[in-house]
Amino acid sequence: MGQELSDSDDDDDESSIKKGRMDDSYHFDADERREWRAKIREVISKHPEIQEEIDPAEKLNKMQKLLADYPLVVDDDDPNWPEDADGWGFNLGQFFDKITIKNAKKENDDDDDYDSEKEVVWQDDNYIRPIKDIKIAQWEETVFKDISPLIILVHNRYKRPKENERVWDELEKAVHIIWNCRLPSPRCVAVDAIVEDALASALKVSVFPEIIFTKAGKILYREQAIRTADELSKMMAFFYYGAAKPPCLDLIGNGQEMIPSIVIKS
């Protein structure tokens, strides 16, 4: 900071008023100004001035140490790789839990164009998720202890990524369509073929994405086409609620394929 911080809050306020530069959006009262100045001094005292390293050899040594302490690339075969990592060496869920950010209007905001319905509200996923990620350790309990209707989305972030993302979005919308009809939607789980390759292999999925409709331990139908939310909701209604067969299922056969059981070796 190039200028010395003044302790005289009253002098600053008077000078600002005299010059006609008072900005209400940044104006603090005297107590708030003293508190912030104290915090700024505290931070500055903890971080003395840092000298730039000029010596090339020493700069290289420090850079190598930083790369060793904080690697930018991690091998996915690394034994220290977290089991619940989302493909980047960490689980995104660890950063988001019960976070809500709302763009609230200030009381002194006289903007006539303000629209309360367009307020920005950000929330994390700490609510009922239409699609839940599943790992191989949860497979047996998810599939065989609960025999209620289950839809399995097997996706691969590196093979046809746009199609995988679109199918996920359409499946979520289809679940909301069922909810809006005041019906209990079938359970929906997602299998990440990159992380859970053994599970994807056991399900005999090689083309991504693929949606598998199951019920009571049996695979009713496999869908590899990119379907809209409306089509998917009609397929759910047909398989689980006794609705008429939708046109997209005209060629469906009588599938009696069993859901594979997977035993994890300790």
C-alpha atoms as a PDB file:
ATOM      1  CA  MET A   1       0.000   0.000   0.000  1.00  0.00           C
ATOM      2  CA  GLY A   2       1.638   3.217  -1.178  1.00  0.00           C
ATOM      3  CA  GLN A   3      -0.013   5.616   1.270  1.00  0.00           C
ATOM      4  CA  GLU A   4       0.104   5.652   5.057  1.00  0.00           C
ATOM      5  CA  LEU A   5      -3.173   4.644   6.649  1.00  0.00           C
ATOM      6  CA  SER A   6      -4.642   7.506   8.614  1.00  0.00           C
ATOM      7  CA  ASP A   7      -6.203   6.983  12.045  1.00  0.00           C
ATOM      8  CA  SER A   8      -8.286  10.121  11.746  1.00  0.00           C
ATOM      9  CA  ASP A   9     -11.629   8.919  10.401  1.00  0.00           C
ATOM     10  CA  ASP A  10     -13.357  12.246  11.019  1.00  0.00           C
ATOM     11  CA  ASP A  11     -10.799  14.131   8.908  1.00  0.00           C
ATOM     12  CA  ASP A  12     -11.292  11.707   6.003  1.00  0.00           C
ATOM     13  CA  ASP A  13     -15.065  12.040   6.153  1.00  0.00           C
ATOM     14  CA  GLU A  14     -14.944  15.828   6.255  1.00  0.00           C
ATOM     15  CA  SER A  15     -12.547  16.038   3.299  1.00  0.00           C
ATOM     16  CA  SER A  16     -14.734  13.709   1.242  1.00  0.00           C
ATOM     17  CA  ILE A  17     -17.827  15.767   1.955  1.00  0.00           C
ATOM     18  CA  LYS A  18     -16.069  19.034   1.138  1.00  0.00           C
ATOM     19  CA  LYS A  19     -14.904  17.709  -2.218  1.00  0.00           C
ATOM     20  CA  GLY A  20     -18.369  16.376  -3.024  1.00  0.00           C
ATOM     21  CA  ARG A  21     -17.070  12.873  -3.554  1.00  0.00           C
ATOM     22  CA  MET A  22     -19.083  10.995  -0.937  1.00  0.00           C
ATOM     23  CA  ASP A  23     -19.967   7.543  -2.330  1.00  0.00           C
ATOM     24  CA  ASP A  24     -22.752   5.970  -0.292  1.00  0.00           C
ATOM     25  CA  SER A  25     -21.981   2.477  -1.576  1.00  0.00           C
ATOM     26  CA  TYR A  26     -18.510   2.562   0.026  1.00  0.00           C
ATOM     27  CA  HIS A  27     -19.235   4.770   3.069  1.00  0.00           C
ATOM     28  CA  PHE A  28     -18.470   3.335   6.521  1.00  0.00           C
ATOM     29  CA  ASP A  29     -19.194   4.935   9.836  1.00  0.00           C
ATOM     30  CA  ALA A  30     -16.282   5.783  12.152  1.00  0.00           C
ATOM     31  CA  ASP A  31     -16.353   2.472  14.061  1.00  0.00           C
ATOM     32  CA  GLU A  32     -16.452   0.386  10.884  1.00  0.00           C
ATOM     33  CA  ARG A  33     -13.569   2.316   9.387  1.00  0.00           C
ATOM     34  CA  ARG A  34     -11.414   1.787  12.498  1.00  0.00           C
ATOM     35  CA  GLU A  35     -12.213  -1.932  12.480  1.00  0.00           C
ATOM     36  CA  TRP A  36     -11.253  -2.358   8.824  1.00  0.00           C
ATOM     37  CA  ARG A  37      -8.047  -0.342   9.236  1.00  0.00           C
ATOM     38  CA  ALA A  38      -7.072  -2.560  12.178  1.00  0.00           C
ATOM     39  CA  LYS A  39      -7.690  -5.682  10.080  1.00  0.00           C
ATOM     40  CA  ILE A  40      -5.633  -4.309   7.193  1.00  0.00           C
ATOM     41  CA  ARG A  41      -2.703  -3.529   9.503  1.00  0.00           C
ATOM     42  CA  GLU A  42      -2.951  -7.018  10.987  1.00  0.00           C
ATOM     43  CA  VAL A  43      -2.742  -8.654   7.544  1.00  0.00           C
ATOM     44  CA  ILE A  44       0.153  -6.425   6.462  1.00  0.00           C
ATOM     45  CA  SER A  45       2.107  -7.243   9.614  1.00  0.00           C
ATOM     46  CA  LYS A  46       1.799 -10.975   8.870  1.00  0.00           C
ATOM     47  CA  HIS A  47       3.158 -10.605   5.333  1.00  0.00           C
ATOM     48  CA  PRO A  48       6.383  -8.614   5.198  1.00  0.00           C
ATOM     49  CA  GLU A  49       7.606  -7.304   1.867  1.00  0.00           C
ATOM     50  CA  ILE A  50       8.666 -10.163  -0.426  1.00  0.00           C
ATOM     51  CA  GLN A  51      11.827  -9.768  -2.465  1.00  0.00           C
ATOM     52  CA  GLU A  52      11.802 -11.117  -6.007  1.00  0.00           C
ATOM     53  CA  GLU A  53      14.279 -13.955  -6.584  1.00  0.00           C
ATOM     54  CA  ILE A  54      16.772 -12.810  -9.213  1.00  0.00           C
ATOM     55  CA  ASP A  55      19.300 -15.660  -9.194  1.00  0.00           C
ATOM     56  CA  PRO A  56      18.217 -18.095 -12.006  1.00  0.00           C
ATOM     57  CA  ALA A  57      19.599 -21.169 -10.219  1.00  0.00           C
ATOM     58  CA  GLU A  58      17.821 -20.368  -6.963  1.00  0.00           C
ATOM     59  CA  LYS A  59      14.611 -19.527  -8.835  1.00  0.00           C
ATOM     60  CA  LEU A  60      14.752 -22.942 -10.551  1.00  0.00           C
ATOM     61  CA  ASN A  61      15.282 -24.711  -7.221  1.00  0.00           C
ATOM     62  CA  LYS A  62      12.272 -22.980  -5.672  1.00  0.00           C
ATOM     63  CA  MET A  63      10.107 -23.782  -8.700  1.00  0.00           C
ATOM     64  CA  GLN A  64      11.076 -27.464  -8.572  1.00  0.00           C
ATOM     65  CA  LYS A  65      10.249 -27.563  -4.868  1.00  0.00           C
ATOM     66  CA  LEU A  66       6.827 -26.039  -5.515  1.00  0.00           C
ATOM     67  CA  LEU A  67       6.096 -28.597  -8.240  1.00  0.00           C
ATOM     68  CA  ALA A  68       7.175 -31.399  -5.932  1.00  0.00           C
ATOM     69  CA  ASP A  69       5.003 -30.145  -3.074  1.00  0.00           C
ATOM     70  CA  TYR A  70       2.007 -29.264  -5.268  1.00  0.00           C
ATOM     71  CA  PRO A  71       1.986 -31.521  -8.367  1.00  0.00           C
ATOM     72  CA  LEU A  72      -0.104 -30.263 -11.256  1.00  0.00           C
ATOM     73  CA  VAL A  73      -0.591 -33.749 -12.715  1.00  0.00           C
ATOM     74  CA  VAL A  74      -1.492 -36.857 -10.713  1.00  0.00           C
ATOM     75  CA  ASP A  75      -1.343 -40.356 -12.143  1.00  0.00           C
ATOM     76  CA  ASP A  76      -4.719 -42.072 -11.729  1.00  0.00           C
ATOM     77  CA  ASP A  77      -2.816 -45.250 -10.800  1.00  0.00           C
ATOM     78  CA  ASP A  78      -1.244 -43.451  -7.847  1.00  0.00           C
ATOM     79  CA  PRO A  79      -1.992 -45.482  -4.676  1.00  0.00           C
ATOM     80  CA  ASN A  80      -2.747 -42.221  -2.868  1.00  0.00           C
ATOM     81  CA  TRP A  81      -5.457 -41.269  -5.374  1.00  0.00           C
ATOM     82  CA  PRO A  82      -8.731 -40.758  -3.415  1.00  0.00           C
ATOM     83  CA  GLU A  83     -11.319 -43.456  -4.079  1.00  0.00           C
ATOM     84  CA  ASP A  84     -14.123 -40.914  -4.206  1.00  0.00           C
ATOM     85  CA  ALA A  85     -12.293 -38.524  -6.523  1.00  0.00           C
ATOM     86  CA  ASP A  86     -14.350 -37.060  -9.340  1.00  0.00           C
ATOM     87  CA  GLY A  87     -11.574 -37.514 -11.886  1.00  0.00           C
ATOM     88  CA  TRP A  88      -9.432 -34.634 -10.704  1.00  0.00           C
ATOM     89  CA  GLY A  89      -7.901 -36.105  -7.526  1.00  0.00           C
ATOM     90  CA  PHE A  90     -10.548 -34.678  -5.210  1.00  0.00           C
ATOM     91  CA  ASN A  91     -14.259 -34.878  -4.613  1.00  0.00           C
ATOM     92  CA  LEU A  92     -16.152 -31.747  -5.615  1.00  0.00           C
ATOM     93  CA  GLY A  93     -18.677 -32.467  -2.891  1.00  0.00           C
ATOM     94  CA  GLN A  94     -16.141 -31.564  -0.239  1.00  0.00           C
ATOM     95  CA  PHE A  95     -16.349 -27.926  -1.314  1.00  0.00           C
ATOM     96  CA  PHE A  96     -20.133 -27.527  -1.427  1.00  0.00           C
ATOM     97  CA  ASP A  97     -22.445 -28.204   1.491  1.00  0.00           C
ATOM     98  CA  LYS A  98     -25.460 -26.106   2.441  1.00  0.00           C
ATOM     99  CA  ILE A  99     -24.232 -23.060   0.523  1.00  0.00           C
ATOM    100  CA  THR A 100     -26.826 -20.473  -0.449  1.00  0.00           C
ATOM    101  CA  ILE A 101     -25.970 -17.163  -2.131  1.00  0.00           C
ATOM    102  CA  LYS A 102     -28.752 -14.702  -2.850  1.00  0.00           C
ATOM    103  CA  ASN A 103     -28.449 -11.450  -4.738  1.00  0.00           C
ATOM    104  CA  ALA A 104     -30.668  -9.420  -2.410  1.00  0.00           C
ATOM    105  CA  LYS A 105     -31.791  -5.879  -3.196  1.00  0.00           C
ATOM    106  CA  LYS A 106     -30.464  -3.154  -0.904  1.00  0.00           C
ATOM    107  CA  GLU A 107     -32.993  -1.049   0.942  1.00  0.00           C
ATOM    108  CA  ASN A 108     -31.613   2.146  -0.584  1.00  0.00           C
ATOM    109  CA  ASP A 109     -31.596   0.740  -4.115  1.00  0.00           C
ATOM    110  CA  ASP A 110     -34.075   2.828  -6.127  1.00  0.00           C
ATOM    111  CA  ASP A 111     -33.618   1.024  -9.444  1.00  0.00           C
ATOM    112  CA  ASP A 112     -37.003   1.055 -11.164  1.00  0.00           C
ATOM    113  CA  ASP A 113     -35.967  -1.825 -13.443  1.00  0.00           C
ATOM    114  CA  TYR A 114     -35.363  -4.187 -10.520  1.00  0.00           C
ATOM    115  CA  ASP A 115     -37.190  -7.487 -10.933  1.00  0.00           C
ATOM    116  CA  SER A 116     -37.443  -9.592  -7.780  1.00  0.00           C
ATOM    117  CA  GLU A 117     -38.208 -12.708  -9.843  1.00  0.00           C
ATOM    118  CA  LYS A 118     -34.770 -12.459 -11.471  1.00  0.00           C
ATOM    119  CA  GLU A 119     -32.844 -12.583  -8.205  1.00  0.00           C
ATOM    120  CA  VAL A 120     -29.774 -14.780  -8.428  1.00  0.00           C
ATOM    121  CA  VAL A 121     -30.050 -17.726  -6.055  1.00  0.00           C
ATOM    122  CA  TRP A 122     -27.223 -20.257  -5.964  1.00  0.00           C
ATOM    123  CA  GLN A 123     -27.658 -23.434  -3.986  1.00  0.00           C
ATOM    124  CA  ASP A 124     -25.570 -26.531  -3.653  1.00  0.00           C
ATOM    125  CA  ASP A 125     -26.945 -30.017  -4.247  1.00  0.00           C
ATOM    126  CA  ASN A 126     -27.986 -30.549  -0.655  1.00  0.00           C
ATOM    127  CA  TYR A 127     -31.484 -31.594  -1.689  1.00  0.00           C
ATOM    128  CA  ILE A 128     -33.139 -34.598  -3.310  1.00  0.00           C
ATOM    129  CA  ARG A 129     -31.056 -35.299  -6.384  1.00  0.00           C
ATOM    130  CA  PRO A 130     -32.872 -36.782  -9.370  1.00  0.00           C
ATOM    131  CA  ILE A 131     -29.755 -38.794 -10.262  1.00  0.00           C
ATOM    132  CA  LYS A 132     -27.287 -40.060  -7.677  1.00  0.00           C
ATOM    133  CA  ASP A 133     -23.762 -41.276  -8.411  1.00  0.00           C
ATOM    134  CA  ILE A 134     -23.165 -44.869  -7.403  1.00  0.00           C
ATOM    135  CA  LYS A 135     -19.951 -46.750  -6.726  1.00  0.00           C
ATOM    136  CA  ILE A 136     -19.268 -50.454  -6.962  1.00  0.00           C
ATOM    137  CA  ALA A 137     -19.229 -50.788  -3.163  1.00  0.00           C
ATOM    138  CA  GLN A 138     -22.868 -49.630  -3.080  1.00  0.00           C
ATOM    139  CA  TRP A 139     -24.031 -51.822  -5.956  1.00  0.00           C
ATOM    140  CA  GLU A 140     -25.415 -54.860  -4.135  1.00  0.00           C
ATOM    141  CA  GLU A 141     -27.352 -52.827  -1.582  1.00  0.00           C
ATOM    142  CA  THR A 142     -28.725 -50.445  -4.208  1.00  0.00           C
ATOM    143  CA  VAL A 143     -29.861 -53.114  -6.654  1.00  0.00           C
ATOM    144  CA  PHE A 144     -30.808 -56.156  -4.612  1.00  0.00           C
ATOM    145  CA  LYS A 145     -31.897 -54.874  -1.195  1.00  0.00           C
ATOM    146  CA  ASP A 146     -34.326 -52.442  -2.778  1.00  0.00           C
ATOM    147  CA  ILE A 147     -36.248 -54.022  -5.661  1.00  0.00           C
ATOM    148  CA  SER A 148     -38.191 -50.882  -6.567  1.00  0.00           C
ATOM    149  CA  PRO A 149     -37.839 -49.570 -10.143  1.00  0.00           C
ATOM    150  CA  LEU A 150     -34.305 -48.474 -10.917  1.00  0.00           C
ATOM    151  CA  ILE A 151     -32.835 -46.634 -13.897  1.00  0.00           C
ATOM    152  CA  ILE A 152     -29.073 -46.814 -14.450  1.00  0.00           C
ATOM    153  CA  LEU A 153     -27.246 -44.216 -16.526  1.00  0.00           C
ATOM    154  CA  VAL A 154     -23.783 -45.386 -17.591  1.00  0.00           C
ATOM    155  CA  HIS A 155     -21.767 -42.437 -18.853  1.00  0.00           C
ATOM    156  CA  ASN A 156     -18.228 -41.693 -19.976  1.00  0.00           C
ATOM    157  CA  ARG A 157     -16.842 -38.159 -19.809  1.00  0.00           C
ATOM    158  CA  TYR A 158     -14.255 -38.802 -22.535  1.00  0.00           C
ATOM    159  CA  LYS A 159     -16.361 -40.639 -25.118  1.00  0.00           C
ATOM    160  CA  ARG A 160     -19.049 -38.453 -26.706  1.00  0.00           C
ATOM    161  CA  PRO A 161     -18.961 -35.967 -23.804  1.00  0.00           C
ATOM    162  CA  LYS A 162     -21.664 -33.684 -25.224  1.00  0.00           C
ATOM    163  CA  GLU A 163     -24.042 -36.599 -25.715  1.00  0.00           C
ATOM    164  CA  ASN A 164     -23.328 -37.868 -22.188  1.00  0.00           C
ATOM    165  CA  GLU A 165     -24.068 -34.465 -20.698  1.00  0.00           C
ATOM    166  CA  ARG A 166     -27.233 -34.055 -22.740  1.00  0.00           C
ATOM    167  CA  VAL A 167     -28.626 -37.460 -21.747  1.00  0.00           C
ATOM    168  CA  TRP A 168     -27.956 -36.687 -18.075  1.00  0.00           C
ATOM    169  CA  ASP A 169     -29.834 -33.382 -18.384  1.00  0.00           C
ATOM    170  CA  GLU A 170     -32.762 -34.957 -20.263  1.00  0.00           C
ATOM    171  CA  LEU A 171     -33.051 -37.760 -17.696  1.00  0.00           C
ATOM    172  CA  GLU A 172     -33.177 -35.219 -14.862  1.00  0.00           C
ATOM    173  CA  LYS A 173     -35.907 -33.307 -16.694  1.00  0.00           C
ATOM    174  CA  ALA A 174     -37.837 -36.543 -17.214  1.00  0.00           C
ATOM    175  CA  VAL A 175     -37.749 -37.225 -13.471  1.00  0.00           C
ATOM    176  CA  HIS A 176     -39.138 -33.744 -12.826  1.00  0.00           C
ATOM    177  CA  ILE A 177     -41.933 -34.439 -15.316  1.00  0.00           C
ATOM    178  CA  ILE A 178     -42.894 -37.525 -13.291  1.00  0.00           C
ATOM    179  CA  TRP A 179     -42.693 -35.503 -10.059  1.00  0.00           C
ATOM    180  CA  ASN A 180     -44.943 -32.818 -11.543  1.00  0.00           C
ATOM    181  CA  CYS A 181     -47.495 -35.551 -12.261  1.00  0.00           C
ATOM    182  CA  ARG A 182     -47.445 -36.261  -8.496  1.00  0.00           C
ATOM    183  CA  LEU A 183     -45.994 -39.720  -9.067  1.00  0.00           C
ATOM    184  CA  PRO A 184     -43.004 -41.243  -7.262  1.00  0.00           C
ATOM    185  CA  SER A 185     -40.275 -41.383  -9.864  1.00  0.00           C
ATOM    186  CA  PRO A 186     -38.136 -44.503 -10.260  1.00  0.00           C
ATOM    187  CA  ARG A 187     -34.758 -44.363  -8.580  1.00  0.00           C
ATOM    188  CA  CYS A 188     -32.029 -43.082 -10.908  1.00  0.00           C
ATOM    189  CA  VAL A 189     -28.334 -43.767 -10.433  1.00  0.00           C
ATOM    190  CA  ALA A 190     -25.315 -42.867 -12.540  1.00  0.00           C
ATOM    191  CA  VAL A 191     -22.252 -45.034 -13.134  1.00  0.00           C
ATOM    192  CA  ASP A 192     -19.074 -43.222 -14.156  1.00  0.00           C
ATOM    193  CA  ALA A 193     -17.433 -45.645 -16.574  1.00  0.00           C
ATOM    194  CA  ILE A 194     -14.028 -44.008 -16.076  1.00  0.00           C
ATOM    195  CA  VAL A 195     -14.022 -44.416 -12.301  1.00  0.00           C
ATOM    196  CA  GLU A 196     -16.154 -47.584 -12.101  1.00  0.00           C
ATOM    197  CA  ASP A 197     -14.870 -49.401 -15.187  1.00  0.00           C
ATOM    198  CA  ALA A 198     -15.452 -52.845 -13.623  1.00  0.00           C
ATOM    199  CA  LEU A 199     -19.083 -51.973 -12.962  1.00  0.00           C
ATOM    200  CA  ALA A 200     -19.593 -50.679 -16.498  1.00  0.00           C
ATOM    201  CA  SER A 201     -18.003 -53.863 -17.846  1.00  0.00           C
ATOM    202  CA  ALA A 202     -20.252 -56.075 -15.714  1.00  0.00           C
ATOM    203  CA  LEU A 203     -23.258 -54.225 -17.106  1.00  0.00           C
ATOM    204  CA  LYS A 204     -21.940 -54.964 -20.624  1.00  0.00           C
ATOM    205  CA  VAL A 205     -21.944 -51.310 -21.628  1.00  0.00           C
ATOM    206  CA  SER A 206     -19.478 -50.332 -24.349  1.00  0.00           C
ATOM    207  CA  VAL A 207     -21.378 -47.523 -26.102  1.00  0.00           C
ATOM    208  CA  PHE A 208     -21.863 -44.370 -24.072  1.00  0.00           C
ATOM    209  CA  PRO A 209     -24.137 -43.069 -22.822  1.00  0.00           C
ATOM    210  CA  GLU A 210     -26.571 -45.904 -22.135  1.00  0.00           C
ATOM    211  CA  ILE A 211     -29.721 -45.859 -20.011  1.00  0.00           C
ATOM    212  CA  ILE A 212     -30.771 -49.176 -18.490  1.00  0.00           C
ATOM    213  CA  PHE A 213     -34.342 -49.620 -17.258  1.00  0.00           C
ATOM    214  CA  THR A 214     -34.587 -52.271 -14.533  1.00  0.00           C
ATOM    215  CA  LYS A 215     -37.192 -53.695 -12.187  1.00  0.00           C
ATOM    216  CA  ALA A 216     -37.101 -56.447  -9.539  1.00  0.00           C
ATOM    217  CA  GLY A 217     -33.565 -57.485 -10.429  1.00  0.00           C
ATOM    218  CA  LYS A 218     -34.180 -57.693 -14.190  1.00  0.00           C
ATOM    219  CA  ILE A 219     -33.061 -55.485 -17.063  1.00  0.00           C
ATOM    220  CA  LEU A 220     -36.173 -54.485 -18.992  1.00  0.00           C
ATOM    221  CA  TYR A 221     -34.612 -52.346 -21.686  1.00  0.00           C
ATOM    222  CA  ARG A 222     -31.367 -50.693 -22.801  1.00  0.00           C
ATOM    223  CA  GLU A 223     -31.524 -47.300 -24.495  1.00  0.00           C
ATOM    224  CA  GLN A 224     -28.520 -46.002 -26.419  1.00  0.00           C
ATOM    225  CA  ALA A 225     -30.297 -43.359 -28.484  1.00  0.00           C
ATOM    226  CA  ILE A 226     -30.369 -39.730 -27.378  1.00  0.00           C
ATOM    227  CA  ARG A 227     -33.926 -39.283 -26.133  1.00  0.00           C
ATOM    228  CA  THR A 228     -35.721 -36.131 -25.032  1.00  0.00           C
ATOM    229  CA  ALA A 229     -37.089 -35.698 -21.528  1.00  0.00           C
ATOM    230  CA  ASP A 230     -40.619 -36.146 -22.863  1.00  0.00           C
ATOM    231  CA  GLU A 231     -39.712 -39.465 -24.506  1.00  0.00           C
ATOM    232  CA  LEU A 232     -37.892 -40.689 -21.393  1.00  0.00           C
ATOM    233  CA  SER A 233     -40.812 -39.789 -19.136  1.00  0.00           C
ATOM    234  CA  LYS A 234     -43.178 -41.731 -21.413  1.00  0.00           C
ATOM    235  CA  MET A 235     -40.814 -44.711 -21.290  1.00  0.00           C
ATOM    236  CA  MET A 236     -40.843 -44.511 -17.468  1.00  0.00           C
ATOM    237  CA  ALA A 237     -44.633 -44.353 -17.500  1.00  0.00           C
ATOM    238  CA  PHE A 238     -44.803 -47.436 -19.741  1.00  0.00           C
ATOM    239  CA  PHE A 239     -42.338 -49.573 -17.774  1.00  0.00           C
ATOM    240  CA  TYR A 240     -43.419 -48.597 -14.263  1.00  0.00           C
ATOM    241  CA  TYR A 241     -46.948 -47.134 -14.301  1.00  0.00           C
ATOM    242  CA  GLY A 242     -48.835 -49.209 -16.870  1.00  0.00           C
ATOM    243  CA  ALA A 243     -49.094 -46.443 -19.477  1.00  0.00           C
ATOM    244  CA  ALA A 244     -49.368 -47.067 -23.215  1.00  0.00           C
ATOM    245  CA  LYS A 245     -46.238 -48.014 -25.101  1.00  0.00           C
ATOM    246  CA  PRO A 246     -44.646 -44.899 -26.649  1.00  0.00           C
ATOM    247  CA  PRO A 247     -43.727 -44.945 -30.377  1.00  0.00           C
ATOM    248  CA  CYS A 248     -39.996 -44.995 -29.585  1.00  0.00           C
ATOM    249  CA  LEU A 249     -40.419 -48.480 -28.033  1.00  0.00           C
ATOM    250  CA  ASP A 250     -42.203 -50.148 -30.950  1.00  0.00           C
ATOM    251  CA  LEU A 251     -39.274 -52.511 -31.566  1.00  0.00           C
ATOM    252  CA  ILE A 252     -38.771 -53.512 -27.940  1.00  0.00           C
ATOM    253  CA  GLY A 253     -38.626 -57.192 -27.159  1.00  0.00           C
ATOM    254  CA  ASN A 254     -39.337 -59.124 -23.977  1.00  0.00           C
ATOM    255  CA  GLY A 255     -36.089 -58.664 -22.113  1.00  0.00           C
ATOM    256  CA  GLN A 256     -35.436 -61.006 -19.197  1.00  0.00           C
ATOM    257  CA  GLU A 257     -31.764 -60.209 -18.696  1.00  0.00           C
ATOM    258  CA  MET A 258     -30.746 -60.356 -15.044  1.00  0.00           C
ATOM    259  CA  ILE A 259     -28.886 -57.516 -13.368  1.00  0.00           C
ATOM    260  CA  PRO A 260     -25.334 -58.754 -12.627  1.00  0.00           C
ATOM    261  CA  SER A 261     -24.300 -59.360  -9.047  1.00  0.00           C
ATOM    262  CA  ILE A 262     -20.832 -58.055  -8.238  1.00  0.00           C
ATOM    263  CA  VAL A 263     -18.786 -59.432  -5.371  1.00  0.00           C
ATOM    264  CA  ILE A 264     -15.956 -57.210  -4.215  1.00  0.00           C
ATOM    265  CA  LYS A 265     -12.831 -59.177  -3.338  1.00  0.00           C
ATOM    266  CA  SER A 266     -11.202 -58.004  -0.133  1.00  0.00           C
END
